[in-house]
Protein backbone atom coordinates (compact mmCIF):
# COMPACT_ATOMS: atom_id res chain seq x y z
CA MET A 1 27.60 -26.66 -16.27
CA ASN A 2 31.48 -27.85 -16.38
CA LYS A 3 33.30 -24.95 -17.28
CA PRO A 4 32.32 -21.37 -18.76
CA ILE A 5 31.55 -20.68 -22.29
CA ARG A 6 34.59 -19.12 -23.83
CA LEU A 7 33.25 -15.59 -24.49
CA HIS A 8 34.95 -12.51 -26.18
CA SER A 9 34.17 -9.23 -24.09
CA GLU A 10 37.13 -7.68 -21.78
CA LEU A 11 37.75 -9.52 -18.44
CA ILE A 12 38.45 -7.11 -15.58
CA GLU A 13 39.88 -8.18 -12.13
CA ALA A 14 39.18 -6.64 -9.09
CA PRO A 15 40.15 -7.44 -5.32
CA GLY A 16 36.51 -8.32 -4.39
CA PRO A 17 32.93 -7.55 -5.42
CA LEU A 18 32.86 -4.32 -3.72
CA GLU A 19 35.22 -2.98 -5.52
CA ALA A 20 33.78 -4.51 -8.78
CA ILE A 21 30.71 -2.41 -8.60
CA GLU A 22 32.77 0.48 -8.29
CA ILE A 23 34.31 0.01 -11.30
CA TYR A 24 31.31 -0.17 -13.02
CA PHE A 25 30.09 2.86 -11.66
CA ASN A 26 33.47 4.65 -12.52
CA LYS A 27 33.04 3.58 -16.30
CA GLY A 28 29.47 4.25 -16.31
CA TRP A 29 28.83 0.83 -16.75
CA SER A 30 25.50 1.34 -13.76
CA ASP A 31 22.64 2.99 -14.28
CA GLY A 32 23.16 4.80 -10.91
CA LEU A 33 22.26 2.04 -8.96
CA PRO A 34 24.81 -1.03 -7.75
CA VAL A 35 25.01 -3.86 -10.42
CA VAL A 36 25.81 -7.67 -9.39
CA PRO A 37 29.32 -7.79 -11.34
CA PRO A 38 29.26 -10.50 -14.14
CA THR A 39 31.88 -13.22 -14.10
CA PRO A 40 32.56 -16.21 -17.12
CA GLU A 41 30.28 -18.37 -14.86
CA SER A 42 26.99 -16.21 -14.64
CA VAL A 43 26.90 -14.81 -18.15
CA SER A 44 27.59 -18.35 -19.55
CA ALA A 45 24.82 -19.70 -17.36
CA ILE A 46 22.50 -17.60 -19.22
CA LEU A 47 23.57 -18.40 -22.36
CA GLU A 48 23.61 -22.01 -21.62
CA THR A 49 19.87 -21.51 -20.29
CA ALA A 50 18.94 -20.07 -23.38
CA ASN A 51 20.77 -22.32 -25.65
CA LEU A 52 22.63 -19.52 -27.12
CA SER A 53 26.09 -18.66 -28.74
CA PRO A 54 27.91 -15.88 -27.62
CA GLU A 55 28.02 -14.77 -31.20
CA ALA A 56 24.37 -14.72 -32.02
CA ILE A 57 22.99 -11.51 -32.57
CA LEU A 58 19.62 -10.48 -30.84
CA GLY A 59 19.69 -7.22 -33.04
CA ILE A 60 20.81 -4.57 -34.90
CA GLU A 61 19.91 -0.51 -33.96
CA PRO A 62 18.70 0.64 -37.37
CA VAL A 63 20.31 4.02 -36.97
CA LYS A 64 23.68 3.33 -35.42
CA GLY A 65 24.21 0.06 -36.91
CA ALA A 66 24.99 -1.48 -33.29
CA VAL A 67 25.05 -4.86 -33.03
CA ILE A 68 23.74 -6.52 -29.82
CA THR A 69 24.92 -10.07 -29.22
CA ALA A 70 23.45 -12.91 -27.18
CA GLU A 71 26.73 -12.27 -24.86
CA LYS A 72 26.42 -8.39 -24.56
CA ALA A 73 22.45 -9.07 -23.38
CA ALA A 74 23.80 -11.82 -20.97
CA ILE A 75 26.90 -9.57 -19.62
CA ASN A 76 23.96 -6.94 -18.67
CA ALA A 77 21.21 -9.60 -18.10
CA VAL A 78 23.75 -10.57 -15.17
CA MET A 79 24.11 -7.25 -13.99
CA ALA A 80 20.61 -6.16 -13.89
CA GLY A 81 20.02 -9.24 -11.54
CA CYS A 82 18.00 -11.45 -13.70
CA LYS A 83 17.58 -15.10 -13.03
CA PRO A 84 19.03 -17.27 -16.01
CA GLU A 85 15.33 -18.20 -17.32
CA TYR A 86 14.43 -14.80 -17.79
CA MET A 87 16.57 -14.62 -20.83
CA PRO A 88 13.76 -15.45 -23.33
CA VAL A 89 11.78 -12.62 -22.31
CA ILE A 90 14.74 -10.46 -22.90
CA VAL A 91 15.96 -11.82 -26.17
CA ALA A 92 12.23 -11.71 -27.42
CA ALA A 93 12.25 -7.79 -26.34
CA VAL A 94 15.92 -6.76 -28.05
CA ASP A 95 14.18 -8.48 -31.24
CA ALA A 96 11.14 -6.21 -31.07
CA ILE A 97 13.12 -3.24 -29.85
CA THR A 98 15.39 -3.16 -32.78
CA LYS A 99 13.01 -3.44 -35.59
CA PRO A 100 12.91 -0.42 -37.43
CA GLU A 101 9.44 0.47 -36.82
CA PHE A 102 9.81 0.56 -32.98
CA ASN A 103 12.24 3.73 -33.56
CA LEU A 104 14.42 2.92 -30.68
CA HIS A 105 16.74 5.54 -31.72
CA GLY A 106 14.36 8.16 -31.73
CA ILE A 107 12.91 7.00 -28.30
CA THR A 108 15.81 6.89 -26.10
CA VAL A 109 17.47 10.13 -27.52
CA SER A 110 14.32 12.42 -27.52
CA THR A 111 14.07 15.23 -25.23
CA MET A 112 9.92 13.75 -24.40
CA GLY A 113 11.65 10.88 -22.09
CA ALA A 114 9.94 7.96 -23.41
CA ALA A 115 10.95 4.95 -21.81
CA ILE A 116 10.74 1.40 -23.30
CA MET A 117 7.79 -0.49 -21.52
CA ILE A 118 7.94 -4.43 -21.96
CA ILE A 119 4.39 -5.85 -21.29
CA VAL A 120 4.70 -9.91 -20.92
CA ASN A 121 1.24 -12.61 -21.69
CA GLY A 122 0.70 -15.87 -21.73
CA PRO A 123 2.23 -18.86 -19.39
CA ILE A 124 6.01 -17.28 -19.14
CA THR A 125 4.08 -14.87 -16.77
CA LYS A 126 3.33 -17.53 -14.13
CA GLU A 127 6.70 -19.68 -14.82
CA LEU A 128 8.83 -16.29 -14.21
CA GLU A 129 6.65 -14.75 -11.52
CA ILE A 130 6.00 -11.43 -13.59
CA ASN A 131 3.52 -9.50 -11.55
CA SER A 132 0.32 -8.56 -13.06
CA GLY A 133 -1.75 -7.58 -9.68
CA VAL A 134 -1.14 -5.16 -6.87
CA SER A 135 1.38 -2.87 -7.07
CA ALA A 136 2.18 -4.13 -11.04
CA PHE A 137 4.54 -1.05 -11.36
CA GLY A 138 6.16 -0.99 -8.02
CA PRO A 139 8.99 -2.21 -6.46
CA GLY A 140 9.40 -6.01 -4.72
CA TYR A 141 9.14 -8.34 -7.69
CA ARG A 142 12.49 -9.48 -9.04
CA ALA A 143 11.24 -10.17 -12.82
CA ASN A 144 9.69 -7.27 -13.43
CA ALA A 145 12.63 -5.02 -12.04
CA THR A 146 15.51 -6.63 -13.42
CA ILE A 147 14.22 -7.56 -17.00
CA GLY A 148 12.94 -3.97 -17.61
CA ARG A 149 16.31 -3.08 -16.02
CA ALA A 150 18.34 -5.51 -18.05
CA ILE A 151 17.03 -3.58 -21.60
CA ARG A 152 17.72 -0.15 -20.14
CA LEU A 153 21.30 -1.50 -19.17
CA ILE A 154 21.71 -2.89 -22.78
CA VAL A 155 20.20 0.49 -24.43
CA MET A 156 23.24 2.07 -21.90
CA ASN A 157 26.24 -0.01 -22.67
CA VAL A 158 25.69 -1.58 -25.91
CA LEU A 159 24.16 0.88 -27.47
CA GLY A 160 25.78 3.71 -25.91
CA THR A 161 22.79 5.78 -24.97
CA ARG A 162 23.27 7.54 -21.89
CA SER A 163 22.39 10.91 -20.47
CA LYS A 164 25.95 11.58 -18.99
CA ASP A 165 27.17 11.11 -22.81
CA GLY A 166 24.73 13.43 -24.07
CA LEU A 167 22.97 10.97 -26.36
CA ASP A 168 19.67 10.79 -23.95
CA LYS A 169 18.63 14.17 -24.33
CA ALA A 170 15.30 13.40 -22.26
CA THR A 171 14.51 16.70 -20.34
CA LEU A 172 13.30 15.41 -17.05
CA GLY A 173 12.93 11.67 -17.56
CA HIS A 174 10.92 9.63 -15.19
CA PRO A 175 11.55 6.15 -13.37
CA GLY A 176 10.54 4.17 -16.19
CA LYS A 177 13.64 4.58 -17.74
CA TYR A 178 15.39 2.43 -14.82
CA THR A 179 12.85 -0.60 -15.53
CA TRP A 180 9.58 -0.81 -17.35
CA CYS A 181 8.09 -4.52 -16.77
CA VAL A 182 4.72 -5.93 -16.42
CA ALA A 183 2.35 -8.89 -17.00
CA GLU A 184 -0.82 -8.56 -18.39
CA ASN A 185 -3.47 -9.81 -16.14
CA GLU A 186 -5.24 -12.05 -18.13
CA GLU A 187 -7.17 -14.17 -15.62
CA PHE A 188 -9.29 -11.06 -14.66
CA LEU A 189 -10.22 -9.63 -18.16
CA PRO A 190 -13.69 -8.62 -18.84
CA ALA A 191 -15.46 -11.33 -20.52
CA ALA A 192 -15.18 -10.85 -24.40
CA TRP A 193 -12.27 -8.70 -24.02
CA GLU A 194 -8.95 -10.24 -25.90
CA SER A 195 -5.44 -10.18 -23.97
CA LEU A 196 -3.19 -7.63 -25.83
CA SER A 197 -1.33 -10.61 -27.30
CA ALA A 198 -4.23 -11.96 -29.06
CA THR A 199 -4.98 -8.78 -30.51
CA ARG A 200 -1.46 -8.79 -32.01
CA GLY A 201 -2.63 -12.15 -33.73
CA ILE A 202 -1.08 -14.67 -31.12
CA VAL A 203 -2.38 -17.71 -29.89
CA GLU A 204 -3.69 -17.35 -25.95
CA THR A 205 -1.91 -20.47 -24.92
CA GLU A 206 1.85 -18.89 -26.41
CA SER A 207 3.78 -16.68 -24.49
CA ALA A 208 4.57 -13.32 -26.00
CA VAL A 209 6.30 -9.96 -24.93
CA THR A 210 5.28 -6.14 -26.58
CA VAL A 211 7.32 -3.41 -26.59
CA VAL A 212 5.70 0.34 -26.45
CA SER A 213 7.64 3.64 -26.01
CA GLY A 214 5.76 5.42 -22.90
CA LEU A 215 5.93 8.53 -21.01
CA SER A 216 5.38 9.20 -17.45
CA ALA A 217 2.53 7.91 -15.51
CA THR A 218 -0.30 10.34 -14.65
CA GLN A 219 -2.47 9.31 -11.76
CA PHE A 220 -6.17 11.15 -11.59
CA GLY A 221 -8.39 11.23 -8.27
CA GLU A 222 -12.11 11.93 -8.05
CA HIS A 223 -13.58 11.47 -4.47
CA GLU A 224 -16.57 13.61 -5.64
CA ALA A 225 -18.34 12.19 -8.55
CA ASN A 226 -21.07 9.46 -8.23
CA THR A 227 -21.94 9.46 -12.09
CA PRO A 228 -19.99 7.92 -14.83
CA GLU A 229 -20.49 11.05 -16.79
CA ALA A 230 -18.63 13.15 -14.01
CA ILE A 231 -15.61 10.72 -13.31
CA LEU A 232 -14.92 10.87 -17.15
CA ASP A 233 -15.31 15.05 -16.86
CA ALA A 234 -12.23 14.35 -14.38
CA PHE A 235 -10.20 12.58 -16.71
């Protein structure tokens, strides 16, 4: 890349990266954690990798009519810590969550506190190293952490749905509202068990992104049962 793409967002100058991070905190543009200050160069790198123009419309939120452009999505992807090659997953996720049937507005302002869960299938899961194994919902995997975070930041900063502003009415919320992205472990599916994307009509060799709204996880522990029936009773 010789020079940055011409962008349309306001350019804010700061003495250094730490001061820039503080600006994002003070403006309410952060999820409460430090962000990577986006620059014209880093945003342009994401757009060029995804072959997107800044003006390209990735989705329109049906209730508010808020437009999510490629530029705004790329800015928030940089802030979340994404690599440029993660952008295709983010593009697919934005397209999915802005479909009317997903009911994004209802999900993000509800007192129930549902979060957007992103499930990735296909070859791209290995290319991007999206964790689908041990501690798949835990920390330590950049793709999982930053892709999910990028979608949350887009919801906050482009659609304006934040708890501080009063639009996000979640009574308690849960950690999935920070980030929630995982891959399906297709290699270890039981025999004759189709992958999630296959059940939705996607060819196994193609990559796919599914979005669902989910409440906080609940873990069940049963340390005494030794029959299937007893284990099911605990559930």
